[in-house]
């Protein structure tokens, strides 16, 4: 998710309109130099003043809880606001877990809906409010088709977002998963994802659901990228959502639609930094591609993107090698160790195949690193002028789309521990005094992982 800020996703991708590095991605790039000391250390014969002990500054909170309403898969549940609050009984104010603090700890929810009778898809963006506040405007109550199959995806701009049921059975009613017991995914979680993608696959097999091809880029002449494309993946692909809300000056939130935009002219749009937002809002436009969209029931049926739509598109269009969530994805680890169970739970929630010898040929920890470096590096190098002319999702990470993605790739190399597989970082980034990548160079020599799974 998020890109570094995402990704994460980022991913390295976190910010109001894109991505900001997640705390797990904050490792400095290999080319970043330690700041020069501003004062010379005392010589051995020089008496150094005795330091005055100082209490360490409290660490900023990076974790929050989100309260999931009863029957979250129903129309009434979708229209009931989710509530963001602090962890372990902390208030929103004490923890910083407020939607007004969205750039750091904002939470976002997105639903994708399948009509199994017709194969029609739609999107809905449930509203998240800060616990103790009221919505600036009542959420739209969606009209769901009979027998609708709903998946709900969660995104977070902090580190760990834990689902809590508003009622004792809320999470069971929604078939919600936050990870394994004692080891949550982190920024992301899901409700009913496995059932949704199974239903979508059945609908496609029956010829009812028709997912369009991702198409060909008129800029590169190559296939348009998807969320499972090694040309654009990072350390934690397929994470976070494309949801946006309106935030008023009073700290209240509302669904972003025409009626609310007109009613709250001073409100600002807030969003979740995500790999999906990077693809749909930045990479696709730069390459002349169009993301898969569906009518948004919270926006008067205007066509919008979603995380689940991106995964359906990737399943339909991504040619081999296919990037699937690897076991060294930080969100799939358990106590910093690989976990097949957690990786498979994540994969099933976004419609990906479980670990197997066949897909490990491309997406085992070592092969994922190898393919990411060997495929993404030439892509960035070959398209430098196009990407450098496009806006950066996170200006604090890179000053344009090229430098952002280059810095993100370098961070992903470190965060996936690709060096453990005998691979070298092929990206060199130039950072300015604020730590922003302003230039990048690429070594496109193909590498082979020499060890590791």
Protein backbone atom coordinates (compact mmCIF):
# COMPACT_ATOMS: atom_id res chain seq x y z
CA UNK A 1 0.00 0.00 0.00
CA UNK A 2 0.56 1.43 0.36
CA UNK A 3 4.13 3.38 -1.66
CA UNK A 4 6.60 4.63 0.65
CA UNK A 5 5.25 7.33 2.44
CA UNK A 6 2.63 3.25 0.03
CA UNK A 7 2.00 0.06 -0.98
CA UNK A 8 3.50 2.02 0.70
CA UNK A 9 0.43 0.67 -1.04
CA UNK A 10 2.82 2.48 -0.30
CA UNK A 11 1.95 0.45 -0.45
CA UNK A 12 4.37 2.87 -1.01
CA UNK A 13 1.26 4.99 -1.67
CA UNK A 14 -0.31 7.12 1.01
CA UNK A 15 -1.87 10.55 0.86
CA UNK A 16 -5.07 12.38 0.26
CA UNK A 17 -4.91 11.77 -3.43
CA UNK A 18 -2.35 9.08 -3.60
CA UNK A 19 0.24 7.67 -1.37
CA UNK A 20 2.43 8.29 1.54
CA UNK A 21 5.04 5.89 2.79
CA UNK A 22 3.83 3.48 5.35
CA UNK A 23 5.83 3.25 8.56
CA UNK A 24 7.19 -0.12 7.45
CA UNK A 25 8.56 1.46 4.31
CA UNK A 26 10.37 4.31 5.87
CA UNK A 27 13.80 2.75 5.55
CA UNK A 28 16.19 5.14 3.79
CA UNK A 29 17.13 4.25 0.28
CA UNK A 30 20.60 2.80 -0.19
CA UNK A 31 21.76 5.99 -1.90
CA UNK A 32 20.59 8.29 0.87
CA UNK A 33 23.47 9.71 2.80
CA UNK A 34 23.36 10.27 6.52
CA UNK A 35 23.18 13.97 7.32
CA UNK A 36 26.52 15.55 8.05
CA UNK A 37 27.02 16.48 11.69
CA UNK A 38 26.63 20.16 12.36
CA UNK A 39 29.05 20.19 15.28
CA UNK A 40 32.44 18.58 15.62
CA UNK A 41 32.76 15.88 18.27
CA UNK A 42 35.04 16.89 21.16
CA UNK A 43 38.62 15.65 20.96
CA UNK A 44 39.76 13.13 23.59
CA UNK A 45 41.53 15.89 25.56
CA UNK A 46 38.57 18.24 25.40
CA UNK A 47 36.11 18.03 28.24
CA UNK A 48 32.68 17.29 26.86
CA UNK A 49 29.84 18.85 28.81
CA UNK A 50 27.83 16.36 30.79
CA UNK A 51 24.58 15.65 28.96
CA UNK A 52 21.36 16.61 30.65
CA UNK A 53 19.08 13.58 30.73
CA UNK A 54 15.92 14.20 28.75
CA UNK A 55 12.76 12.17 28.66
CA UNK A 56 12.31 10.56 25.26
CA UNK A 57 9.61 12.12 23.11
CA UNK A 58 6.50 9.95 23.01
CA UNK A 59 6.20 8.01 19.80
CA UNK A 60 3.38 9.15 17.54
CA UNK A 61 0.53 6.67 17.51
CA UNK A 62 0.22 4.80 14.23
CA UNK A 63 -2.60 2.35 15.02
CA UNK A 64 -6.38 2.77 15.13
CA UNK A 65 -9.58 0.75 15.37
CA UNK A 66 -12.57 0.86 13.05
CA UNK A 67 -16.02 -0.05 14.27
CA UNK A 68 -17.89 -2.14 11.68
CA UNK A 69 -21.69 -1.76 11.74
CA UNK A 70 -24.12 -4.64 12.14
CA UNK A 71 -24.95 -6.59 8.97
CA UNK A 72 -22.30 -4.76 6.95
CA UNK A 73 -23.13 -6.54 3.68
CA UNK A 74 -26.74 -5.29 3.66
CA UNK A 75 -27.96 -1.99 2.22
CA UNK A 76 -28.63 -0.69 5.72
CA UNK A 77 -25.20 -1.80 6.90
CA UNK A 78 -23.47 -0.15 3.97
CA UNK A 79 -25.27 3.12 4.72
CA UNK A 80 -24.42 3.02 8.44
CA UNK A 81 -21.25 5.02 9.11
CA UNK A 82 -18.14 3.16 10.22
CA UNK A 83 -16.45 4.78 13.21
CA UNK A 84 -12.73 5.49 13.58
CA UNK A 85 -11.34 5.49 17.11
CA UNK A 86 -8.16 4.94 19.07
CA UNK A 87 -6.68 1.54 19.97
CA UNK A 88 -7.06 -0.10 23.37
CA UNK A 89 -9.76 2.23 24.62
CA UNK A 90 -8.02 5.48 23.66
CA UNK A 91 -10.24 8.28 22.45
CA UNK A 92 -9.93 9.58 18.91
CA UNK A 93 -8.51 12.85 20.21
CA UNK A 94 -5.90 11.26 22.47
CA UNK A 95 -4.74 8.81 19.78
CA UNK A 96 -4.97 11.05 16.73
CA UNK A 97 -7.40 8.56 15.17
CA UNK A 98 -9.64 11.12 13.50
CA UNK A 99 -10.66 11.58 9.90
CA UNK A 100 -9.48 15.18 10.27
CA UNK A 101 -6.03 13.62 10.63
CA UNK A 102 -6.62 11.65 7.44
CA UNK A 103 -3.16 12.10 5.94
CA UNK A 104 -1.65 10.18 8.86
CA UNK A 105 -4.43 8.01 10.32
CA UNK A 106 -7.40 8.25 8.00
CA UNK A 107 -9.48 5.13 7.36
CA UNK A 108 -11.45 4.42 4.18
CA UNK A 109 -13.97 1.75 3.18
CA UNK A 110 -15.06 0.58 -0.27
CA UNK A 111 -17.67 -1.92 -1.39
CA UNK A 112 -18.02 -3.64 -4.74
CA UNK A 113 -21.32 -5.33 -5.55
CA UNK A 114 -22.12 -8.17 -7.96
CA UNK A 115 -25.59 -8.98 -9.25
CA UNK A 116 -25.23 -12.74 -9.79
CA UNK A 117 -28.36 -12.86 -11.96
CA UNK A 118 -27.03 -10.46 -14.57
CA UNK A 119 -23.30 -10.13 -13.89
CA UNK A 120 -23.67 -6.37 -13.38
CA UNK A 121 -21.17 -4.71 -11.05
CA UNK A 122 -21.49 -1.55 -8.99
CA UNK A 123 -19.47 0.31 -6.38
CA UNK A 124 -20.44 1.94 -3.07
CA UNK A 125 -18.29 3.90 -0.66
CA UNK A 126 -19.45 3.47 2.96
CA UNK A 127 -18.67 6.51 5.05
CA UNK A 128 -16.14 6.58 7.89
CA UNK A 129 -16.67 9.12 10.65
CA UNK A 130 -14.66 9.92 13.73
CA UNK A 131 -16.27 8.26 16.74
CA UNK A 132 -18.30 10.83 18.63
CA UNK A 133 -19.12 12.90 15.54
CA UNK A 134 -22.01 12.78 13.10
CA UNK A 135 -21.86 12.67 9.31
CA UNK A 136 -21.92 16.06 7.66
CA UNK A 137 -24.66 14.56 5.48
CA UNK A 138 -26.55 11.30 5.81
CA UNK A 139 -25.05 8.57 3.60
CA UNK A 140 -26.96 7.47 0.52
CA UNK A 141 -28.84 4.21 1.12
CA UNK A 142 -27.97 1.98 -1.83
CA UNK A 143 -30.52 -0.16 -3.61
CA UNK A 144 -28.95 -3.61 -3.88
CA UNK A 145 -30.02 -6.22 -6.42
CA UNK A 146 -31.69 -9.37 -5.18
CA UNK A 147 -29.07 -11.88 -4.04
CA UNK A 148 -26.29 -9.29 -4.25
CA UNK A 149 -22.79 -10.50 -3.41
CA UNK A 150 -20.82 -7.73 -1.70
CA UNK A 151 -17.14 -7.41 -0.88
CA UNK A 152 -15.85 -4.68 1.41
CA UNK A 153 -12.24 -3.49 1.37
CA UNK A 154 -10.59 -1.35 4.05
CA UNK A 155 -7.66 1.04 3.63
CA UNK A 156 -5.68 3.00 6.21
CA UNK A 157 -3.07 5.75 6.08
CA UNK A 158 -1.39 4.62 9.31
CA UNK A 159 0.18 1.28 10.22
CA UNK A 160 -2.39 -1.05 11.78
CA UNK A 161 -6.18 -0.77 11.50
CA UNK A 162 -8.10 -3.30 13.59
CA UNK A 163 -11.72 -4.17 12.89
CA UNK A 164 -14.10 -4.10 15.87
CA UNK A 165 -17.75 -5.11 15.57
CA UNK A 166 -20.46 -2.64 16.57
CA UNK A 167 -22.37 -5.71 17.75
CA UNK A 168 -21.06 -9.10 18.89
CA UNK A 169 -21.94 -10.68 15.53
CA UNK A 170 -21.14 -7.84 13.15
CA UNK A 171 -17.81 -9.25 11.93
CA UNK A 172 -19.29 -12.73 11.54
CA UNK A 173 -22.23 -11.34 9.62
CA UNK A 174 -19.84 -9.63 7.24
CA UNK A 175 -17.42 -12.59 6.95
CA UNK A 176 -14.75 -10.06 7.88
CA UNK A 177 -11.05 -10.91 8.11
CA UNK A 178 -8.32 -8.78 9.65
CA UNK A 179 -5.51 -11.35 9.32
CA UNK A 180 -4.69 -14.28 11.56
CA UNK A 181 -5.36 -14.33 15.32
CA UNK A 182 -2.64 -12.21 16.90
CA UNK A 183 -1.26 -11.08 13.52
CA UNK A 184 -3.36 -8.66 11.50
CA UNK A 185 -2.50 -7.63 7.96
CA UNK A 186 -1.89 -4.02 8.96
CA UNK A 187 -3.29 -1.26 6.78
CA UNK A 188 -5.84 -3.45 5.06
CA UNK A 189 -8.65 -5.85 5.88
CA UNK A 190 -11.65 -7.31 4.12
CA UNK A 191 -15.23 -8.53 4.45
CA UNK A 192 -16.58 -11.33 2.23
CA UNK A 193 -13.80 -11.05 -0.35
CA UNK A 194 -13.36 -14.77 -0.87
CA UNK A 195 -17.08 -15.34 -1.56
CA UNK A 196 -17.27 -12.31 -3.85
CA UNK A 197 -14.44 -13.41 -6.14
CA UNK A 198 -15.77 -16.97 -6.27
CA UNK A 199 -19.16 -15.63 -7.32
CA UNK A 200 -17.54 -13.34 -9.89
CA UNK A 201 -15.62 -16.28 -11.36
CA UNK A 202 -18.83 -18.32 -11.64
CA UNK A 203 -20.58 -15.38 -13.28
CA UNK A 204 -17.77 -15.02 -15.81
CA UNK A 205 -17.86 -18.75 -16.57
CA UNK A 206 -21.61 -18.46 -17.28
CA UNK A 207 -21.04 -15.55 -19.62
CA UNK A 208 -22.91 -13.04 -17.45
CA UNK A 209 -20.03 -11.02 -16.07
CA UNK A 210 -17.82 -9.68 -18.85
CA UNK A 211 -14.67 -7.96 -17.62
CA UNK A 212 -13.17 -5.80 -20.37
CA UNK A 213 -9.58 -6.14 -21.47
CA UNK A 214 -7.18 -3.68 -19.89
CA UNK A 215 -6.22 -2.73 -23.43
CA UNK A 216 -3.04 -1.44 -25.02
CA UNK A 217 -1.27 1.78 -24.17
CA UNK A 218 -1.19 4.20 -27.11
CA UNK A 219 1.92 5.71 -25.52
CA UNK A 220 4.07 2.59 -25.18
CA UNK A 221 2.35 0.21 -27.59
CA UNK A 222 2.40 -2.39 -24.80
CA UNK A 223 -0.38 -3.87 -22.68
CA UNK A 224 -1.82 -1.49 -20.13
CA UNK A 225 -0.60 -2.34 -16.62
CA UNK A 226 -2.68 -4.04 -13.93
CA UNK A 227 -2.33 -4.47 -10.18
CA UNK A 228 -0.62 -7.82 -10.83
CA UNK A 229 1.94 -6.39 -13.23
CA UNK A 230 5.60 -6.59 -12.21
CA UNK A 231 6.11 -3.29 -14.03
CA UNK A 232 4.32 -1.42 -11.24
CA UNK A 233 4.06 -3.64 -8.12
CA UNK A 234 5.81 -2.82 -4.87
CA UNK A 235 6.53 -4.53 -1.56
CA UNK A 236 2.83 -4.94 -0.74
CA UNK A 237 0.75 -5.00 -3.88
CA UNK A 238 -3.05 -5.12 -4.02
CA UNK A 239 -3.59 -2.98 -0.96
CA UNK A 240 -5.79 -0.06 0.04
CA UNK A 241 -8.72 1.53 -1.76
CA UNK A 242 -9.64 4.33 -4.15
CA UNK A 243 -12.33 5.82 -1.87
CA UNK A 244 -12.55 9.58 -1.33
CA UNK A 245 -14.58 11.50 1.24
CA UNK A 246 -15.37 15.14 1.88
CA UNK A 247 -13.96 16.63 5.10
CA UNK A 248 -15.51 19.82 6.49
CA UNK A 249 -13.71 22.46 8.52
CA UNK A 250 -15.59 21.16 11.58
CA UNK A 251 -13.97 17.73 11.15
CA UNK A 252 -17.08 15.97 9.86
CA UNK A 253 -17.06 13.68 6.85
CA UNK A 254 -19.53 13.05 4.03
CA UNK A 255 -19.62 10.88 0.95
CA UNK A 256 -18.06 12.63 -2.00
CA UNK A 257 -20.85 13.23 -4.49
CA UNK A 258 -22.35 16.18 -6.36
CA UNK A 259 -25.00 16.93 -3.75
CA UNK A 260 -22.54 17.03 -0.87
CA UNK A 261 -19.95 18.96 -2.84
CA UNK A 262 -22.56 21.63 -3.49
CA UNK A 263 -23.77 21.59 0.12
CA UNK A 264 -20.26 21.96 1.60
CA UNK A 265 -18.34 24.28 -0.72
CA UNK A 266 -15.46 24.69 1.74
CA UNK A 267 -14.94 20.97 2.30
CA UNK A 268 -11.81 19.24 1.05
CA UNK A 269 -11.45 15.81 -0.52
CA UNK A 270 -9.48 13.22 1.45
CA UNK A 271 -8.38 9.81 0.22
CA UNK A 272 -6.40 6.68 0.91
CA UNK A 273 -2.89 6.29 -0.47
CA UNK A 274 -2.95 3.01 -2.36
CA UNK A 275 -1.49 0.95 -5.13
CA UNK A 276 -4.90 1.08 -6.77
CA UNK A 277 -4.96 4.88 -6.70
CA UNK A 278 -1.45 4.92 -8.15
CA UNK A 279 -2.56 2.72 -11.06
CA UNK A 280 -5.98 4.26 -11.69
CA UNK A 281 -5.17 7.90 -11.04
CA UNK A 282 -1.56 8.31 -12.16
CA UNK A 283 -0.02 5.48 -14.20
CA UNK A 284 -3.06 4.78 -16.41
CA UNK A 285 -3.53 8.45 -17.39
CA UNK A 286 0.18 8.84 -18.12
CA UNK A 287 0.07 5.83 -20.45
CA UNK A 288 -3.27 6.68 -22.06
CA UNK A 289 -4.97 3.70 -20.43
CA UNK A 290 -8.37 3.55 -18.73
CA UNK A 291 -9.13 1.66 -15.51
CA UNK A 292 -12.09 -0.68 -15.10
CA UNK A 293 -15.05 1.25 -13.67
CA UNK A 294 -18.63 0.60 -12.57
CA UNK A 295 -21.59 2.74 -11.44
CA UNK A 296 -21.03 4.15 -7.94
CA UNK A 297 -24.26 3.96 -5.93
CA UNK A 298 -23.00 6.61 -3.52
CA UNK A 299 -22.29 9.03 -6.37
CA UNK A 300 -25.48 8.98 -8.40
CA UNK A 301 -24.17 6.06 -10.47
CA UNK A 302 -21.21 8.00 -11.83
CA UNK A 303 -18.63 5.49 -12.98
CA UNK A 304 -15.81 4.97 -10.51
CA UNK A 305 -12.94 2.59 -9.77
CA UNK A 306 -12.49 0.18 -6.85
CA UNK A 307 -9.89 -2.19 -5.48
CA UNK A 308 -12.00 -5.23 -6.37
CA UNK A 309 -12.56 -3.98 -9.93
CA UNK A 310 -8.80 -3.61 -10.33
CA UNK A 311 -8.30 -7.22 -9.20
CA UNK A 312 -10.97 -8.49 -11.61
CA UNK A 313 -9.24 -6.58 -14.40
CA UNK A 314 -5.87 -8.04 -13.45
CA UNK A 315 -7.28 -11.58 -13.40
CA UNK A 316 -8.72 -11.01 -16.87
CA UNK A 317 -5.78 -9.27 -18.55
CA UNK A 318 -2.45 -9.83 -16.82
CA UNK A 319 -0.08 -11.91 -18.94
CA UNK A 320 2.64 -14.06 -17.41
CA UNK A 321 4.56 -13.59 -15.26
CA UNK A 322 1.75 -12.70 -12.87
CA UNK A 323 2.63 -10.90 -9.65
CA UNK A 324 0.76 -12.40 -6.71
CA UNK A 325 1.16 -11.38 -3.07
CA UNK A 326 4.43 -13.03 -1.97
CA UNK A 327 5.18 -14.51 1.43
CA UNK A 328 7.73 -11.74 2.10
CA UNK A 329 5.06 -9.05 1.76
CA UNK A 330 5.31 -7.33 5.19
CA UNK A 331 1.54 -7.58 5.57
CA UNK A 332 1.70 -11.36 5.11
CA UNK A 333 4.42 -12.03 7.69
CA UNK A 334 3.82 -13.47 11.14
CA UNK A 335 6.46 -12.42 13.67
CA UNK A 336 8.72 -11.50 10.72
CA UNK A 337 8.50 -15.04 9.37
CA UNK A 338 6.85 -16.34 6.21
CA UNK A 339 3.30 -17.64 6.70
CA UNK A 340 1.55 -19.63 3.99
CA UNK A 341 -1.73 -19.40 5.92
CA UNK A 342 -1.67 -15.61 6.19
CA UNK A 343 -0.49 -15.15 2.61
CA UNK A 344 -3.29 -17.38 1.32
CA UNK A 345 -5.89 -15.58 3.43
CA UNK A 346 -4.80 -12.26 1.96
CA UNK A 347 -4.72 -13.69 -1.56
CA UNK A 348 -8.21 -15.19 -1.33
CA UNK A 349 -9.60 -11.86 -0.10
CA UNK A 350 -8.46 -10.15 -3.32
CA UNK A 351 -9.26 -13.01 -5.70
CA UNK A 352 -5.78 -14.47 -6.11
CA UNK A 353 -4.81 -18.14 -6.28
CA UNK A 354 -3.32 -19.81 -3.20
CA UNK A 355 0.38 -20.60 -3.02
CA UNK A 356 1.41 -23.39 -5.36
CA UNK A 357 4.49 -24.68 -7.10
CA UNK A 358 3.11 -23.26 -10.35
CA UNK A 359 2.65 -19.66 -9.21
CA UNK A 360 5.73 -19.77 -6.97
CA UNK A 361 7.72 -19.88 -10.20
CA UNK A 362 6.90 -16.17 -10.52
CA UNK A 363 5.87 -15.05 -7.04
CA UNK A 364 7.91 -16.92 -4.45
CA UNK A 365 9.84 -14.45 -2.27
CA UNK A 366 13.00 -14.79 -4.37
CA UNK A 367 11.25 -14.86 -7.75
CA UNK A 368 9.00 -11.93 -6.83
CA UNK A 369 12.08 -9.85 -6.08
CA UNK A 370 13.81 -11.03 -9.23
CA UNK A 371 10.83 -10.28 -11.49
CA UNK A 372 10.07 -6.95 -9.83
CA UNK A 373 13.65 -5.75 -10.39
CA UNK A 374 14.14 -7.27 -13.86
CA UNK A 375 10.80 -6.10 -15.26
CA UNK A 376 10.08 -2.81 -13.48
CA UNK A 377 13.56 -1.33 -13.86
CA UNK A 378 13.56 -1.44 -17.70
CA UNK A 379 9.96 -0.19 -17.72
CA UNK A 380 10.93 2.88 -15.72
CA UNK A 381 14.12 3.39 -17.72
CA UNK A 382 12.38 3.08 -21.10
CA UNK A 383 9.57 5.46 -20.15
CA UNK A 384 11.51 8.12 -18.28
CA UNK A 385 10.28 11.09 -20.31
CA UNK A 386 6.63 10.03 -20.14
CA UNK A 387 6.67 9.33 -16.42
CA UNK A 388 8.79 12.37 -15.54
CA UNK A 389 6.18 14.63 -17.14
CA UNK A 390 3.39 13.21 -14.96
CA UNK A 391 2.47 14.38 -11.47
CA UNK A 392 3.80 12.62 -8.40
CA UNK A 393 1.31 10.80 -6.15
CA UNK A 394 3.41 11.87 -3.15
CA UNK A 395 5.61 14.92 -3.74
CA UNK A 396 7.40 14.21 -0.45
CA UNK A 397 8.69 10.93 -1.93
CA UNK A 398 9.42 11.94 -5.53
CA UNK A 399 8.96 15.19 -7.41
CA UNK A 400 7.27 13.50 -10.39
CA UNK A 401 5.81 10.11 -11.23
CA UNK A 402 9.16 8.73 -12.41
CA UNK A 403 11.14 9.68 -9.31
CA UNK A 404 8.28 8.57 -7.07
CA UNK A 405 8.17 5.10 -8.66
CA UNK A 406 11.95 4.84 -8.69
CA UNK A 407 12.17 5.68 -5.00
CA UNK A 408 9.29 3.30 -4.30
CA UNK A 409 11.08 0.48 -6.14
CA UNK A 410 14.29 1.12 -4.21
CA UNK A 411 12.39 1.04 -0.92
CA UNK A 412 10.60 -2.15 -1.95
CA UNK A 413 13.95 -3.80 -2.66
CA UNK A 414 14.96 -3.10 0.93
CA UNK A 415 11.63 -3.92 2.56
CA UNK A 416 11.30 -7.26 0.78
CA UNK A 417 14.92 -8.10 1.76
CA UNK A 418 15.73 -8.79 -1.87
CA UNK A 419 19.43 -8.65 -1.00
CA UNK A 420 18.95 -11.99 0.81
CA UNK A 421 18.44 -13.61 -2.58
CA UNK A 422 21.71 -12.42 -4.08
CA UNK A 423 20.09 -9.49 -5.90
CA UNK A 424 21.37 -5.92 -6.13
CA UNK A 425 19.37 -2.72 -6.01
CA UNK A 426 19.29 -1.51 -9.65
CA UNK A 427 17.99 1.96 -8.80
CA UNK A 428 20.00 4.98 -7.73
CA UNK A 429 17.97 7.96 -6.60
CA UNK A 430 19.16 11.50 -5.98
CA UNK A 431 17.58 13.10 -2.93
CA UNK A 432 17.37 16.80 -2.18
CA UNK A 433 17.81 18.31 1.28
CA UNK A 434 14.23 17.37 2.20
CA UNK A 435 14.72 13.73 1.26
CA UNK A 436 12.67 14.02 -1.93
CA UNK A 437 13.82 12.02 -4.95
CA UNK A 438 14.59 14.47 -7.76
CA UNK A 439 16.44 12.20 -10.19
CA UNK A 440 16.99 8.51 -10.77
CA UNK A 441 19.23 6.24 -12.77
CA UNK A 442 18.71 2.60 -13.61
CA UNK A 443 20.91 -0.46 -14.15
CA UNK A 444 18.87 -2.67 -16.45
CA UNK A 445 21.23 -5.65 -16.28
CA UNK A 446 19.12 -8.74 -15.75
CA UNK A 447 19.68 -10.55 -12.45
CA UNK A 448 19.04 -14.08 -11.21
CA UNK A 449 18.13 -14.91 -7.64
CA UNK A 450 20.82 -17.22 -6.35
CA UNK A 451 19.17 -18.48 -3.18
CA UNK A 452 15.98 -18.41 -1.20
CA UNK A 453 12.52 -19.83 -1.80
